[in-house]
Amino acid sequence: MKKFFSLALCLAAVCSMSAQKQNVDQAAKLSGKSDKLAEARELIKAAMEDPETKNDARTYFVAGKIELDAFDNGYKAQMINPDNANTDEMGQQLLNAYGYFLQALPLDSVPDAKGSIKPKFSKDIVSKLAGHHQDFGNAGVNFFNSKKFYPQAYEAFMIYSDMPSLPFMGKSAPAVAPEDIATFYFNAGLSAYSGNAVDKAAAAFKKAREAGYPAEEPYIYEIASWQNIAQTDEARTEEAKKNIFAAAKAGYDKFGLQNPLFMNNMINSMVSDGNTAAAIDLLTQEITAHPDNAVLYGLRGYVNDRAGNDDASEADYLKAASMPDVDFETLKNASKKIARIGTMKWANIEGATEAQRNEIKTHYFDKAMEIADKAANINPNDDDLNYVIENIQYALDTYF
């Protein structure tokens, strides 16, 4: 009886394995038949869920082929009548195919009982992917236009840019101009950023700049992505600071002082880490090379302020405020600092002469108001600046 029971179990297992292999065979036969797509998917889904066939490379190769054949049918129909094409559905079929093929590849390279590796499907998979490379880029564009930013547009753009450098593609890797790869990585970053997947966005923007994207945008968006992460996940603050500094430095190294944002973020990161001396050294070096740059003086004024060097901070801010290229933020910060020093000096004015009091008024409060008015000419609707002006005016009306 025990032998009979054991034999029955073996027969059941063999039948189950045979049934699932038949599902794979049947699904393969239905691949490419538009009216049988749902049935083919059901058959292959059952095989992927069964222990006997879920680790078989052919299962995922057939699954990928089903999706790719469906895309090809849709593409042919699109050529005949573009108005009837469902580009989002076709794009999803491409993504499905890619995912299944990636699952098939490692399974296709598993050694047999003798330790030999004899791939059966890898060459065909690589050929199919290479032949559809441009389709992934087009799918990304279609997804983006349909506002399916993440994961659809992001994944399609990433596949397009990644494929030329994927090791398994070998000699079949598509030849793509470096600027196109950088552009599609940037598109992937925009897609993830638009879909609130800022982690993915930061990584894609980094790839775009490292691939040689010629403009500032990937650097700026990468910094913005990490700033978002720092604001929403306190546990990742240090990680974010390091990545902000790296992206800002890369932008500064490439574009110099063309955009102050890069130097601003570098200095902020250094100050945040307590490296005020290094920040001052860097700014002093830059000021020596660019003595007519108001932003640099304003930044050094900020760092000196954080370091408690009031006299040096005052001198830097006054210098920055006097320069023709000074920006709004520098003027606003300068007016705050000068007024703040004036307030501290007024608090210690006991026993001072009239001349000494007038000197504080002229050198600090009048000067702070002059700088604030200059900032207001640039942006009169800034609430923070208007609050500064109110406080300076209150001091002038009250103290003098």
Protein backbone atom coordinates (compact mmCIF):
# COMPACT_ATOMS: atom_id res chain seq x y z
CA MET A 1 0.00 0.00 0.00
CA LYS A 2 2.84 2.40 0.88
CA LYS A 3 4.50 1.73 -2.47
CA PHE A 4 1.22 2.36 -4.26
CA PHE A 5 0.68 5.63 -2.37
CA SER A 6 4.23 6.75 -3.19
CA LEU A 7 3.74 5.89 -6.84
CA ALA A 8 0.49 7.86 -6.90
CA LEU A 9 2.26 10.91 -5.52
CA CYS A 10 4.96 10.63 -8.16
CA LEU A 11 2.40 10.30 -10.91
CA ALA A 12 0.52 13.34 -9.57
CA ALA A 13 3.70 15.39 -9.56
CA VAL A 14 4.57 14.32 -13.09
CA CYS A 15 1.06 15.12 -14.26
CA SER A 16 1.21 18.55 -12.63
CA MET A 17 4.56 19.32 -14.25
CA SER A 18 3.31 18.03 -17.56
CA ALA A 19 0.18 20.15 -17.32
CA GLN A 20 2.15 23.31 -16.66
CA LYS A 21 4.57 22.58 -19.49
CA GLN A 22 1.56 22.10 -21.71
CA ASN A 23 0.33 25.52 -20.56
CA VAL A 24 3.63 27.02 -21.65
CA ASP A 25 3.47 25.18 -24.98
CA GLN A 26 -0.09 26.31 -25.58
CA ALA A 27 0.68 29.89 -24.60
CA ALA A 28 3.59 29.89 -27.04
CA LYS A 29 1.26 28.75 -29.82
CA LEU A 30 -1.21 31.53 -29.04
CA SER A 31 1.46 34.25 -28.96
CA GLY A 32 0.89 36.75 -31.75
CA LYS A 33 -2.81 35.97 -32.10
CA SER A 34 -4.56 39.17 -31.09
CA ASP A 35 -7.85 37.51 -30.27
CA LYS A 36 -6.08 35.00 -27.99
CA LEU A 37 -3.98 37.44 -25.98
CA ALA A 38 -6.01 37.14 -22.77
CA GLU A 39 -5.98 33.33 -22.98
CA ALA A 40 -2.23 33.24 -23.60
CA ARG A 41 -1.64 35.47 -20.59
CA GLU A 42 -3.78 33.28 -18.36
CA LEU A 43 -1.91 30.15 -19.41
CA ILE A 44 1.52 31.63 -18.85
CA LYS A 45 0.44 33.20 -15.56
CA ALA A 46 -0.53 29.75 -14.29
CA ALA A 47 2.88 28.41 -15.32
CA MET A 48 4.66 31.27 -13.56
CA GLU A 49 2.79 30.51 -10.35
CA ASP A 50 3.45 26.77 -10.36
CA PRO A 51 6.55 25.48 -8.51
CA GLU A 52 7.40 23.14 -11.39
CA THR A 53 7.67 25.83 -14.06
CA LYS A 54 8.14 29.13 -12.26
CA ASN A 55 11.92 28.74 -12.35
CA ASP A 56 12.09 27.70 -15.99
CA ALA A 57 13.67 30.22 -18.39
CA ARG A 58 11.27 29.21 -21.15
CA THR A 59 8.28 30.25 -19.06
CA TYR A 60 9.46 33.86 -18.92
CA PHE A 61 10.76 33.85 -22.45
CA VAL A 62 7.30 32.87 -23.68
CA ALA A 63 5.69 35.45 -21.36
CA GLY A 64 7.92 38.15 -22.82
CA LYS A 65 7.27 37.00 -26.36
CA ILE A 66 3.51 37.14 -25.80
CA GLU A 67 3.78 40.80 -24.77
CA LEU A 68 6.21 41.72 -27.54
CA ASP A 69 4.10 40.03 -30.20
CA ALA A 70 1.08 41.95 -28.90
CA PHE A 71 3.07 45.18 -29.22
CA ASP A 72 4.13 44.29 -32.76
CA ASN A 73 0.52 43.66 -33.73
CA GLY A 74 -0.48 47.00 -32.27
CA TYR A 75 2.36 48.72 -34.09
CA LYS A 76 1.26 47.23 -37.44
CA ALA A 77 -2.30 48.38 -36.80
CA GLN A 78 -1.00 51.83 -35.89
CA MET A 79 0.76 52.08 -39.24
CA ILE A 80 -2.54 51.39 -40.98
CA ASN A 81 -4.74 53.60 -38.80
CA PRO A 82 -2.89 55.79 -36.25
CA ASP A 83 -6.13 57.14 -34.77
CA ASN A 84 -7.10 53.72 -33.44
CA ALA A 85 -3.76 53.03 -31.74
CA ASN A 86 -3.69 52.66 -27.96
CA THR A 87 -0.13 53.82 -27.39
CA ASP A 88 -0.34 53.51 -23.60
CA GLU A 89 -1.41 49.87 -23.89
CA MET A 90 1.37 49.21 -26.39
CA GLY A 91 3.91 50.88 -24.11
CA GLN A 92 2.82 48.71 -21.21
CA GLN A 93 3.24 45.61 -23.37
CA LEU A 94 6.83 46.69 -24.05
CA LEU A 95 7.51 47.17 -20.34
CA ASN A 96 5.92 43.80 -19.56
CA ALA A 97 8.08 42.09 -22.19
CA TYR A 98 11.24 43.69 -20.85
CA GLY A 99 10.46 42.60 -17.30
CA TYR A 100 9.82 39.01 -18.32
CA PHE A 101 12.95 38.85 -20.47
CA LEU A 102 15.05 40.10 -17.55
CA GLN A 103 13.67 37.25 -15.46
CA ALA A 104 14.40 34.73 -18.21
CA LEU A 105 18.04 35.70 -18.79
CA PRO A 106 19.58 34.54 -15.47
CA LEU A 107 17.49 31.36 -15.52
CA ASP A 108 18.77 30.66 -19.01
CA SER A 109 22.34 30.64 -17.71
CA VAL A 110 21.88 28.18 -14.84
CA PRO A 111 24.42 25.30 -15.10
CA ASP A 112 23.03 21.86 -15.89
CA ALA A 113 23.76 18.70 -13.94
CA LYS A 114 27.22 18.51 -15.53
CA GLY A 115 28.02 22.13 -14.71
CA SER A 116 27.65 23.28 -18.30
CA ILE A 117 25.87 26.49 -19.24
CA LYS A 118 23.94 26.21 -22.47
CA PRO A 119 21.62 29.21 -22.98
CA LYS A 120 18.63 28.52 -25.20
CA PHE A 121 16.82 31.83 -25.27
CA SER A 122 19.34 34.56 -24.41
CA LYS A 123 20.45 35.27 -27.97
CA ASP A 124 16.86 35.63 -29.13
CA ILE A 125 15.99 37.86 -26.16
CA VAL A 126 18.92 40.18 -26.84
CA SER A 127 18.01 40.40 -30.52
CA LYS A 128 14.39 41.25 -29.73
CA LEU A 129 15.33 43.95 -27.23
CA ALA A 130 17.86 45.52 -29.58
CA GLY A 131 15.28 45.56 -32.36
CA HIS A 132 12.80 47.41 -30.16
CA HIS A 133 15.22 49.84 -28.54
CA GLN A 134 13.78 52.97 -30.14
CA ASP A 135 10.28 51.82 -29.28
CA PHE A 136 11.08 52.19 -25.58
CA GLY A 137 12.07 55.82 -26.13
CA ASN A 138 8.87 56.46 -28.07
CA ALA A 139 6.84 54.74 -25.35
CA GLY A 140 8.38 57.03 -22.75
CA VAL A 141 7.32 60.08 -24.74
CA ASN A 142 3.78 58.74 -25.14
CA PHE A 143 3.49 57.89 -21.44
CA PHE A 144 4.78 61.34 -20.46
CA ASN A 145 2.29 63.06 -22.74
CA SER A 146 -0.46 60.94 -21.17
CA LYS A 147 0.76 62.09 -17.72
CA LYS A 148 1.70 58.53 -16.78
CA PHE A 149 4.94 59.84 -15.36
CA TYR A 150 5.83 57.13 -12.89
CA PRO A 151 6.53 54.30 -13.21
CA GLN A 152 5.58 54.04 -16.89
CA ALA A 153 7.37 56.98 -18.56
CA TYR A 154 10.27 56.74 -16.13
CA GLU A 155 10.85 53.04 -16.80
CA ALA A 156 10.61 53.39 -20.58
CA PHE A 157 13.11 56.26 -20.64
CA MET A 158 15.49 54.42 -18.31
CA ILE A 159 15.40 51.27 -20.43
CA TYR A 160 16.17 53.31 -23.53
CA SER A 161 19.20 54.95 -21.90
CA ASP A 162 20.45 51.88 -20.00
CA MET A 163 20.26 49.38 -22.85
CA PRO A 164 23.41 50.43 -24.79
CA SER A 165 25.58 49.73 -21.73
CA LEU A 166 23.90 46.58 -20.39
CA PRO A 167 26.52 43.80 -20.25
CA PHE A 168 24.17 41.10 -21.53
CA MET A 169 23.52 43.05 -24.71
CA GLY A 170 27.11 42.46 -25.84
CA LYS A 171 27.77 43.22 -29.50
CA SER A 172 24.03 43.64 -30.08
CA ALA A 173 23.92 46.77 -27.92
CA PRO A 174 22.31 49.60 -29.92
CA ALA A 175 24.60 52.43 -30.97
CA VAL A 176 23.22 55.66 -29.49
CA ALA A 177 24.75 59.13 -29.46
CA PRO A 178 25.90 60.06 -25.94
CA GLU A 179 23.81 63.23 -25.99
CA ASP A 180 20.68 61.16 -26.65
CA ILE A 181 21.44 58.87 -23.72
CA ALA A 182 21.92 61.89 -21.46
CA THR A 183 18.69 63.46 -22.72
CA PHE A 184 16.61 60.36 -22.06
CA TYR A 185 18.09 59.95 -18.58
CA PHE A 186 17.05 63.55 -17.98
CA ASN A 187 13.57 62.71 -19.30
CA ALA A 188 13.45 59.78 -16.88
CA GLY A 189 14.35 62.13 -14.05
CA LEU A 190 11.63 64.58 -15.03
CA SER A 191 9.12 61.72 -15.18
CA ALA A 192 10.01 60.43 -11.72
CA TYR A 193 10.08 63.97 -10.31
CA SER A 194 6.66 64.69 -11.81
CA GLY A 195 5.41 61.42 -10.30
CA ASN A 196 6.77 62.31 -6.82
CA ALA A 197 9.33 59.49 -6.94
CA VAL A 198 12.15 61.80 -5.90
CA ASP A 199 14.58 59.01 -5.04
CA LYS A 200 14.36 57.66 -8.58
CA ALA A 201 14.46 61.20 -9.94
CA ALA A 202 17.70 62.02 -8.12
CA ALA A 203 19.38 58.89 -9.47
CA ALA A 204 18.21 59.57 -13.03
CA PHE A 205 19.33 63.20 -12.96
CA LYS A 206 22.73 62.07 -11.69
CA LYS A 207 23.00 59.66 -14.61
CA ALA A 208 22.03 62.45 -17.00
CA ARG A 209 24.77 64.79 -15.78
CA GLU A 210 27.33 62.00 -15.68
CA ALA A 211 26.38 61.08 -19.24
CA GLY A 212 27.29 64.61 -20.31
CA TYR A 213 24.01 66.53 -20.38
CA PRO A 214 25.15 69.97 -21.57
CA ALA A 215 22.85 72.25 -19.55
CA GLU A 216 22.38 72.97 -15.84
CA GLU A 217 18.93 71.42 -15.38
CA PRO A 218 19.90 67.90 -14.24
CA TYR A 219 22.22 69.33 -11.60
CA ILE A 220 19.53 71.70 -10.35
CA TYR A 221 16.80 69.04 -10.29
CA GLU A 222 19.08 66.53 -8.58
CA ILE A 223 19.74 69.05 -5.82
CA ALA A 224 16.01 69.78 -5.57
CA SER A 225 15.25 66.06 -5.32
CA TRP A 226 17.65 65.58 -2.42
CA GLN A 227 16.34 68.70 -0.71
CA ASN A 228 12.87 67.18 -0.93
CA ILE A 229 14.15 63.94 0.59
CA ALA A 230 15.85 65.83 3.44
CA GLN A 231 12.64 67.74 4.21
CA THR A 232 10.43 64.63 4.26
CA ASP A 233 12.71 62.03 5.84
CA GLU A 234 14.79 63.24 8.78
CA ALA A 235 16.65 59.93 8.95
CA ARG A 236 18.18 60.65 5.55
CA THR A 237 19.36 64.19 6.25
CA GLU A 238 23.05 63.33 6.24
CA GLU A 239 22.72 61.26 3.07
CA ALA A 240 20.89 64.14 1.42
CA LYS A 241 23.52 66.69 2.47
CA LYS A 242 26.32 64.60 0.96
CA ASN A 243 24.48 64.18 -2.32
CA ILE A 244 23.48 67.85 -2.49
CA PHE A 245 27.12 68.82 -2.03
CA ALA A 246 28.25 66.32 -4.70
CA ALA A 247 25.72 67.56 -7.26
CA ALA A 248 26.42 71.21 -6.44
CA LYS A 249 30.17 70.69 -6.76
CA ALA A 250 29.71 68.90 -10.08
CA GLY A 251 27.62 71.86 -11.29
CA TYR A 252 30.16 74.35 -10.01
CA ASP A 253 33.04 72.42 -11.61
CA LYS A 254 31.28 72.47 -14.97
CA PHE A 255 29.56 75.87 -14.98
CA GLY A 256 31.58 77.85 -12.48
CA LEU A 257 29.77 80.89 -11.08
CA GLN A 258 27.38 81.05 -14.02
CA ASN A 259 24.61 79.97 -11.66
CA PRO A 260 25.09 80.98 -7.98
CA LEU A 261 22.90 78.06 -6.90
CA PHE A 262 25.80 75.64 -7.09
CA MET A 263 28.14 77.69 -4.90
CA ASN A 264 25.25 78.49 -2.55
CA ASN A 265 24.51 74.82 -1.97
CA MET A 266 28.16 73.91 -1.58
CA ILE A 267 28.62 76.59 1.06
CA ASN A 268 25.37 75.69 2.84
CA SER A 269 26.49 72.06 3.05
CA MET A 270 29.90 73.02 4.39
CA VAL A 271 28.43 75.36 7.00
CA SER A 272 25.87 72.75 7.99
CA ASP A 273 28.73 70.30 8.60
CA GLY A 274 30.59 72.88 10.69
CA ASN A 275 33.28 73.45 8.06
CA THR A 276 33.05 77.25 8.21
CA ALA A 277 36.81 77.75 7.95
CA ALA A 278 36.98 75.69 4.75
CA ALA A 279 33.97 77.57 3.37
CA ILE A 280 35.62 80.93 4.05
CA ASP A 281 38.86 79.73 2.45
CA LEU A 282 37.00 78.60 -0.68
CA LEU A 283 35.09 81.88 -0.95
CA THR A 284 38.20 83.96 -0.37
CA GLN A 285 39.93 82.04 -3.14
CA GLU A 286 37.00 82.71 -5.48
CA ILE A 287 36.81 86.38 -4.51
CA THR A 288 40.48 86.74 -5.38
CA ALA A 289 39.74 85.28 -8.80
CA HIS A 290 36.42 87.14 -9.22
CA PRO A 291 36.64 90.39 -7.20
CA ASP A 292 33.59 91.92 -8.88
CA ASN A 293 31.15 89.16 -7.90
CA ALA A 294 28.67 90.38 -5.27
CA VAL A 295 27.27 86.89 -4.60
CA LEU A 296 30.65 85.70 -3.33
CA TYR A 297 30.93 88.58 -0.86
CA GLY A 298 27.37 87.95 0.27
CA LEU A 299 28.09 84.26 0.81
CA ARG A 300 31.23 85.01 2.78
CA GLY A 301 29.22 87.49 4.84
CA TYR A 302 26.76 84.68 5.59
CA VAL A 303 29.52 82.24 6.58
CA ASN A 304 31.25 84.83 8.79
CA ASP A 305 27.90 85.51 10.42
CA ARG A 306 27.45 81.80 11.18
CA ALA A 307 31.01 81.66 12.50
CA GLY A 308 30.35 84.61 14.83
CA ASN A 309 32.72 86.94 12.98
CA ASP A 310 30.48 90.02 13.09
CA ASP A 311 33.04 92.57 11.90
CA ALA A 312 34.05 90.44 8.91
CA SER A 313 30.42 89.65 8.13
CA GLU A 314 29.50 93.34 8.25
CA ALA A 315 32.34 94.26 5.91
CA ASP A 316 31.43 91.55 3.40
CA TYR A 317 27.74 92.42 3.35
CA LEU A 318 28.42 96.14 2.94
CA LYS A 319 30.80 95.39 0.09
CA ALA A 320 28.27 93.11 -1.61
CA ALA A 321 25.44 95.64 -1.21
CA SER A 322 27.54 98.35 -2.86
CA MET A 323 28.23 96.35 -6.02
CA PRO A 324 26.23 96.80 -9.25
CA ASP A 325 25.49 93.10 -9.77
CA VAL A 326 24.12 92.46 -6.27
CA ASP A 327 21.02 90.23 -6.17
CA PHE A 328 17.85 90.48 -4.10
CA GLU A 329 18.66 87.76 -1.55
CA THR A 330 22.10 89.21 -0.83
CA LEU A 331 20.58 92.67 -0.28
CA LYS A 332 17.91 91.29 2.02
CA ASN A 333 20.44 89.31 4.07
CA ALA A 334 22.76 92.32 4.23
CA SER A 335 20.00 94.58 5.55
CA LYS A 336 19.11 92.00 8.21
CA LYS A 337 22.71 91.64 9.36
CA ILE A 338 23.48 95.37 9.49
CA ALA A 339 20.27 96.07 11.39
CA ARG A 340 20.99 93.21 13.79
CA ILE A 341 24.47 94.55 14.57
CA GLY A 342 22.96 98.01 15.10
CA THR A 343 20.45 96.57 17.57
CA MET A 344 23.23 94.86 19.54
CA LYS A 345 25.28 98.04 19.65
CA TRP A 346 22.26 100.08 20.75
CA ALA A 347 21.67 97.64 23.60
CA ASN A 348 25.14 98.49 24.92
CA ILE A 349 24.92 102.24 24.38
CA GLU A 350 24.54 103.32 28.02
CA GLY A 351 26.73 106.36 28.69
CA ALA A 352 27.37 107.00 24.98
CA THR A 353 27.61 110.52 23.60
CA GLU A 354 25.18 112.04 21.11
CA ALA A 355 27.81 111.65 18.40
CA GLN A 356 28.19 107.95 19.19
CA ARG A 357 24.42 107.45 19.06
CA ASN A 358 24.20 109.26 15.74
CA GLU A 359 27.02 107.09 14.41
CA ILE A 360 24.99 103.94 15.23
CA LYS A 361 21.95 105.46 13.55
CA THR A 362 23.84 106.46 10.42
CA HIS A 363 26.15 103.49 10.06
CA TYR A 364 23.65 100.76 10.94
CA PHE A 365 19.96 101.64 10.90
CA ASP A 366 20.06 104.22 8.10
CA LYS A 367 22.39 101.97 6.13
CA ALA A 368 20.22 98.90 6.72
CA MET A 369 17.17 100.85 5.48
CA GLU A 370 19.08 102.03 2.41
CA ILE A 371 20.02 98.44 1.55
CA ALA A 372 16.49 97.20 2.25
CA ASP A 373 15.00 99.88 -0.02
CA LYS A 374 17.40 98.77 -2.75
CA ALA A 375 16.13 95.22 -2.33
CA ALA A 376 12.53 96.44 -2.44
CA ASN A 377 13.19 98.03 -5.81
CA ILE A 378 13.94 94.52 -7.09
CA ASN A 379 11.10 92.73 -5.31
CA PRO A 380 8.63 94.93 -3.44
CA ASN A 381 6.27 92.06 -2.60
CA ASP A 382 8.55 89.91 -0.47
CA ASP A 383 6.89 89.51 2.95
CA ASP A 384 10.16 88.73 4.70
CA LEU A 385 11.79 91.90 3.38
CA ASN A 386 8.77 94.01 4.29
CA TYR A 387 8.97 92.66 7.85
CA VAL A 388 12.66 93.66 7.97
CA ILE A 389 11.80 97.17 6.75
CA GLU A 390 9.09 97.51 9.43
CA ASN A 391 11.56 96.51 12.15
CA ILE A 392 14.21 98.96 10.95
CA GLN A 393 11.66 101.77 10.76
CA TYR A 394 10.45 100.92 14.27
CA ALA A 395 14.03 101.19 15.55
CA LEU A 396 14.53 104.54 13.82
CA ASP A 397 11.27 105.90 15.23
CA THR A 398 11.85 104.56 18.74
CA TYR A 399 15.56 104.95 19.37
CA PHE A 400 16.23 108.27 17.68
